Amino acid sequence: MSRSYVLNYVHCVFSTKGRTQLIRDPEPLWAYMRGIARNRGFDVIAVGGTDNHVHALLSVPAGKHVVEIVRDLKANSSRFIKGNVPGFAWQDGYAAISVSPSQIATVKHYIARPGGAPS
C-alpha cells in the first residue's frame, strides 16, 4: 500500500475534579469541544455526559496522540468553563478505549442517552 490508511476511534471519558456536579449547561461545552477539535485537526464524532463527567467519541488521525488530544480538550474546555464556574477543574487522568468501526453507531447511541447510561 503506497499510502497510509488510518481509522482510529477512541471513546474518552473524564470527570470534574472530585466528581463535583459543575456542568450545569452542557450544550455550550459540547460545542466548544467540537471547536477545539476542529482547530486541533481531529474530529469529535459524539460528545455528551452528565453534570460531572464527559464522554467523547473521537476520530484520531495519523500523527496525533490520544494523550495530546485529551490534554487539549481538557485544558481549553476548562478555561472556557471557568468563565462561568470559578474554580472549575477536571480530574487528573481519563479513560480512552478503542472502538471498532462496526461499533461507532452503538457508542454514539450510548453517548447520546441522558447521562450516557446504557439502555
C-alpha atoms as a PDB file:
ATOM      1  CA  MET A   1       0.000   0.000   0.000  1.00  0.00           C
ATOM      2  CA  SER A   2       1.602   3.242  -1.119  1.00  0.00           C
ATOM      3  CA  ARG A   3      -0.374   5.438   1.304  1.00  0.00           C
ATOM      4  CA  SER A   4      -1.263   5.102   4.952  1.00  0.00           C
ATOM      5  CA  TYR A   5      -4.835   4.331   5.875  1.00  0.00           C
ATOM      6  CA  VAL A   6      -5.743   5.038   9.495  1.00  0.00           C
ATOM      7  CA  LEU A   7      -9.061   4.519  11.263  1.00  0.00           C
ATOM      8  CA  ASN A   8      -8.588   5.149  14.952  1.00  0.00           C
ATOM      9  CA  TYR A   9     -11.726   5.720  17.018  1.00  0.00           C
ATOM     10  CA  VAL A  10     -11.461   6.286  20.752  1.00  0.00           C
ATOM     11  CA  HIS A  11     -14.162   6.671  23.408  1.00  0.00           C
ATOM     12  CA  CYS A  12     -12.787   9.020  26.083  1.00  0.00           C
ATOM     13  CA  VAL A  13     -14.282   9.698  29.487  1.00  0.00           C
ATOM     14  CA  PHE A  14     -13.101  12.271  32.022  1.00  0.00           C
ATOM     15  CA  SER A  15     -14.640  13.777  35.147  1.00  0.00           C
ATOM     16  CA  THR A  16     -14.797  17.009  37.042  1.00  0.00           C
ATOM     17  CA  LYS A  17     -12.400  17.234  39.969  1.00  0.00           C
ATOM     18  CA  GLY A  18     -13.908  15.324  42.870  1.00  0.00           C
ATOM     19  CA  ARG A  19     -16.832  14.376  40.617  1.00  0.00           C
ATOM     20  CA  THR A  20     -18.469  17.657  41.618  1.00  0.00           C
ATOM     21  CA  GLN A  21     -21.634  18.497  39.686  1.00  0.00           C
ATOM     22  CA  LEU A  22     -20.424  21.603  37.867  1.00  0.00           C
ATOM     23  CA  ILE A  23     -21.507  21.056  34.253  1.00  0.00           C
ATOM     24  CA  ARG A  24     -24.865  22.799  34.524  1.00  0.00           C
ATOM     25  CA  ASP A  25     -25.350  23.864  30.908  1.00  0.00           C
ATOM     26  CA  PRO A  26     -23.593  21.219  28.799  1.00  0.00           C
ATOM     27  CA  GLU A  27     -24.561  22.242  25.239  1.00  0.00           C
ATOM     28  CA  PRO A  28     -22.150  25.219  25.022  1.00  0.00           C
ATOM     29  CA  LEU A  29     -19.390  22.975  26.414  1.00  0.00           C
ATOM     30  CA  TRP A  30     -20.042  20.298  23.785  1.00  0.00           C
ATOM     31  CA  ALA A  31     -19.972  22.936  21.026  1.00  0.00           C
ATOM     32  CA  TYR A  32     -16.757  24.389  22.427  1.00  0.00           C
ATOM     33  CA  MET A  33     -15.137  20.931  22.473  1.00  0.00           C
ATOM     34  CA  ARG A  34     -16.102  20.427  18.826  1.00  0.00           C
ATOM     35  CA  GLY A  35     -14.415  23.766  18.058  1.00  0.00           C
ATOM     36  CA  ILE A  36     -11.257  22.703  19.915  1.00  0.00           C
ATOM     37  CA  ALA A  37     -11.191  19.531  17.830  1.00  0.00           C
ATOM     38  CA  ARG A  38     -11.667  21.420  14.584  1.00  0.00           C
ATOM     39  CA  ASN A  39      -8.817  23.799  15.468  1.00  0.00           C
ATOM     40  CA  ARG A  40      -6.511  20.940  16.521  1.00  0.00           C
ATOM     41  CA  GLY A  41      -7.134  18.727  13.485  1.00  0.00           C
ATOM     42  CA  PHE A  42      -9.218  15.866  14.847  1.00  0.00           C
ATOM     43  CA  ASP A  43     -12.933  15.052  14.941  1.00  0.00           C
ATOM     44  CA  VAL A  44     -15.420  14.738  17.785  1.00  0.00           C
ATOM     45  CA  ILE A  45     -17.956  12.275  16.424  1.00  0.00           C
ATOM     46  CA  ALA A  46     -20.141  12.412  19.535  1.00  0.00           C
ATOM     47  CA  VAL A  47     -19.970  14.210  22.874  1.00  0.00           C
ATOM     48  CA  GLY A  48     -22.193  14.078  25.923  1.00  0.00           C
ATOM     49  CA  GLY A  49     -22.206  13.195  29.594  1.00  0.00           C
ATOM     50  CA  THR A  50     -23.660  14.384  32.870  1.00  0.00           C
ATOM     51  CA  ASP A  51     -23.135  17.243  35.275  1.00  0.00           C
ATOM     52  CA  ASN A  52     -19.872  15.676  36.471  1.00  0.00           C
ATOM     53  CA  HIS A  53     -18.271  13.902  33.510  1.00  0.00           C
ATOM     54  CA  VAL A  54     -17.846  13.904  29.740  1.00  0.00           C
ATOM     55  CA  HIS A  55     -17.991  11.121  27.148  1.00  0.00           C
ATOM     56  CA  ALA A  56     -16.423  11.891  23.767  1.00  0.00           C
ATOM     57  CA  LEU A  57     -16.080   9.642  20.733  1.00  0.00           C
ATOM     58  CA  LEU A  58     -13.033  10.855  18.844  1.00  0.00           C
ATOM     59  CA  SER A  59     -11.564  10.103  15.463  1.00  0.00           C
ATOM     60  CA  VAL A  60      -7.813  10.261  15.958  1.00  0.00           C
ATOM     61  CA  PRO A  61      -5.897  10.894  12.729  1.00  0.00           C
ATOM     62  CA  ALA A  62      -2.465   9.543  11.888  1.00  0.00           C
ATOM     63  CA  GLY A  63       0.255  11.513  13.637  1.00  0.00           C
ATOM     64  CA  LYS A  64      -1.963  12.598  16.544  1.00  0.00           C
ATOM     65  CA  HIS A  65      -1.659  11.097  20.007  1.00  0.00           C
ATOM     66  CA  VAL A  66      -4.602  10.469  22.316  1.00  0.00           C
ATOM     67  CA  VAL A  67      -2.739  11.950  25.287  1.00  0.00           C
ATOM     68  CA  GLU A  68      -2.244  15.248  23.412  1.00  0.00           C
ATOM     69  CA  ILE A  69      -5.826  15.351  22.156  1.00  0.00           C
ATOM     70  CA  VAL A  70      -7.296  14.788  25.619  1.00  0.00           C
ATOM     71  CA  ARG A  71      -4.877  17.315  27.127  1.00  0.00           C
ATOM     72  CA  ASP A  72      -6.051  19.908  24.597  1.00  0.00           C
ATOM     73  CA  LEU A  73      -9.726  19.119  25.196  1.00  0.00           C
ATOM     74  CA  LYS A  74      -9.409  19.282  28.974  1.00  0.00           C
ATOM     75  CA  ALA A  75      -7.161  22.366  29.165  1.00  0.00           C
ATOM     76  CA  ASN A  76      -9.103  24.503  26.706  1.00  0.00           C
ATOM     77  CA  SER A  77     -12.559  23.463  27.901  1.00  0.00           C
ATOM     78  CA  SER A  78     -11.505  24.103  31.491  1.00  0.00           C
ATOM     79  CA  ARG A  79     -10.617  27.684  30.625  1.00  0.00           C
ATOM     80  CA  PHE A  80     -13.977  28.015  28.881  1.00  0.00           C
ATOM     81  CA  ILE A  81     -15.987  26.681  31.849  1.00  0.00           C
ATOM     82  CA  LYS A  82     -14.057  28.785  34.372  1.00  0.00           C
ATOM     83  CA  GLY A  83     -15.637  31.842  32.724  1.00  0.00           C
ATOM     84  CA  ASN A  84     -18.949  30.806  34.316  1.00  0.00           C
ATOM     85  CA  VAL A  85     -17.837  28.474  37.109  1.00  0.00           C
ATOM     86  CA  PRO A  86     -14.872  29.897  39.051  1.00  0.00           C
ATOM     87  CA  GLY A  87     -12.570  27.224  40.430  1.00  0.00           C
ATOM     88  CA  PHE A  88     -13.681  24.611  37.886  1.00  0.00           C
ATOM     89  CA  ALA A  89     -11.178  21.818  37.203  1.00  0.00           C
ATOM     90  CA  TRP A  90     -11.079  18.428  35.556  1.00  0.00           C
ATOM     91  CA  GLN A  91      -9.827  15.408  37.484  1.00  0.00           C
ATOM     92  CA  ASP A  92      -6.364  14.156  36.589  1.00  0.00           C
ATOM     93  CA  GLY A  93      -6.451  11.269  34.173  1.00  0.00           C
ATOM     94  CA  TYR A  94      -9.051   9.884  31.790  1.00  0.00           C
ATOM     95  CA  ALA A  95     -10.230   6.672  30.184  1.00  0.00           C
ATOM     96  CA  ALA A  96      -9.556   6.069  26.486  1.00  0.00           C
ATOM     97  CA  ILE A  97     -10.995   2.922  24.927  1.00  0.00           C
ATOM     98  CA  SER A  98     -10.532   1.991  21.292  1.00  0.00           C
ATOM     99  CA  VAL A  99     -13.737   1.446  19.314  1.00  0.00           C
ATOM    100  CA  SER A 100     -14.182  -0.801  16.305  1.00  0.00           C
ATOM    101  CA  PRO A 101     -15.657   0.966  13.271  1.00  0.00           C
ATOM    102  CA  SER A 102     -18.511  -1.546  13.413  1.00  0.00           C
ATOM    103  CA  GLN A 103     -19.441  -0.227  16.884  1.00  0.00           C
ATOM    104  CA  ILE A 104     -19.476   3.525  16.121  1.00  0.00           C
ATOM    105  CA  ALA A 105     -23.288   3.708  15.980  1.00  0.00           C
ATOM    106  CA  THR A 106     -23.598   1.827  19.285  1.00  0.00           C
ATOM    107  CA  VAL A 107     -21.156   4.152  21.052  1.00  0.00           C
ATOM    108  CA  LYS A 108     -22.839   7.235  19.571  1.00  0.00           C
ATOM    109  CA  HIS A 109     -26.180   5.968  20.878  1.00  0.00           C
ATOM    110  CA  TYR A 110     -24.652   5.309  24.318  1.00  0.00           C
ATOM    111  CA  ILE A 111     -23.199   8.836  24.497  1.00  0.00           C
ATOM    112  CA  ALA A 112     -26.475  10.411  23.320  1.00  0.00           C
ATOM    113  CA  ARG A 113     -28.505   8.817  26.130  1.00  0.00           C
ATOM    114  CA  PRO A 114     -29.064  11.070  29.147  1.00  0.00           C
ATOM    115  CA  GLY A 115     -26.101  10.541  31.433  1.00  0.00           C
ATOM    116  CA  GLY A 116     -24.552   8.071  28.998  1.00  0.00           C
ATOM    117  CA  ALA A 117     -26.452   5.301  30.800  1.00  0.00           C
ATOM    118  CA  PRO A 118     -26.954   2.017  28.973  1.00  0.00           C
ATOM    119  CA  SER A 119     -30.472   1.093  27.939  1.00  0.00           C
END
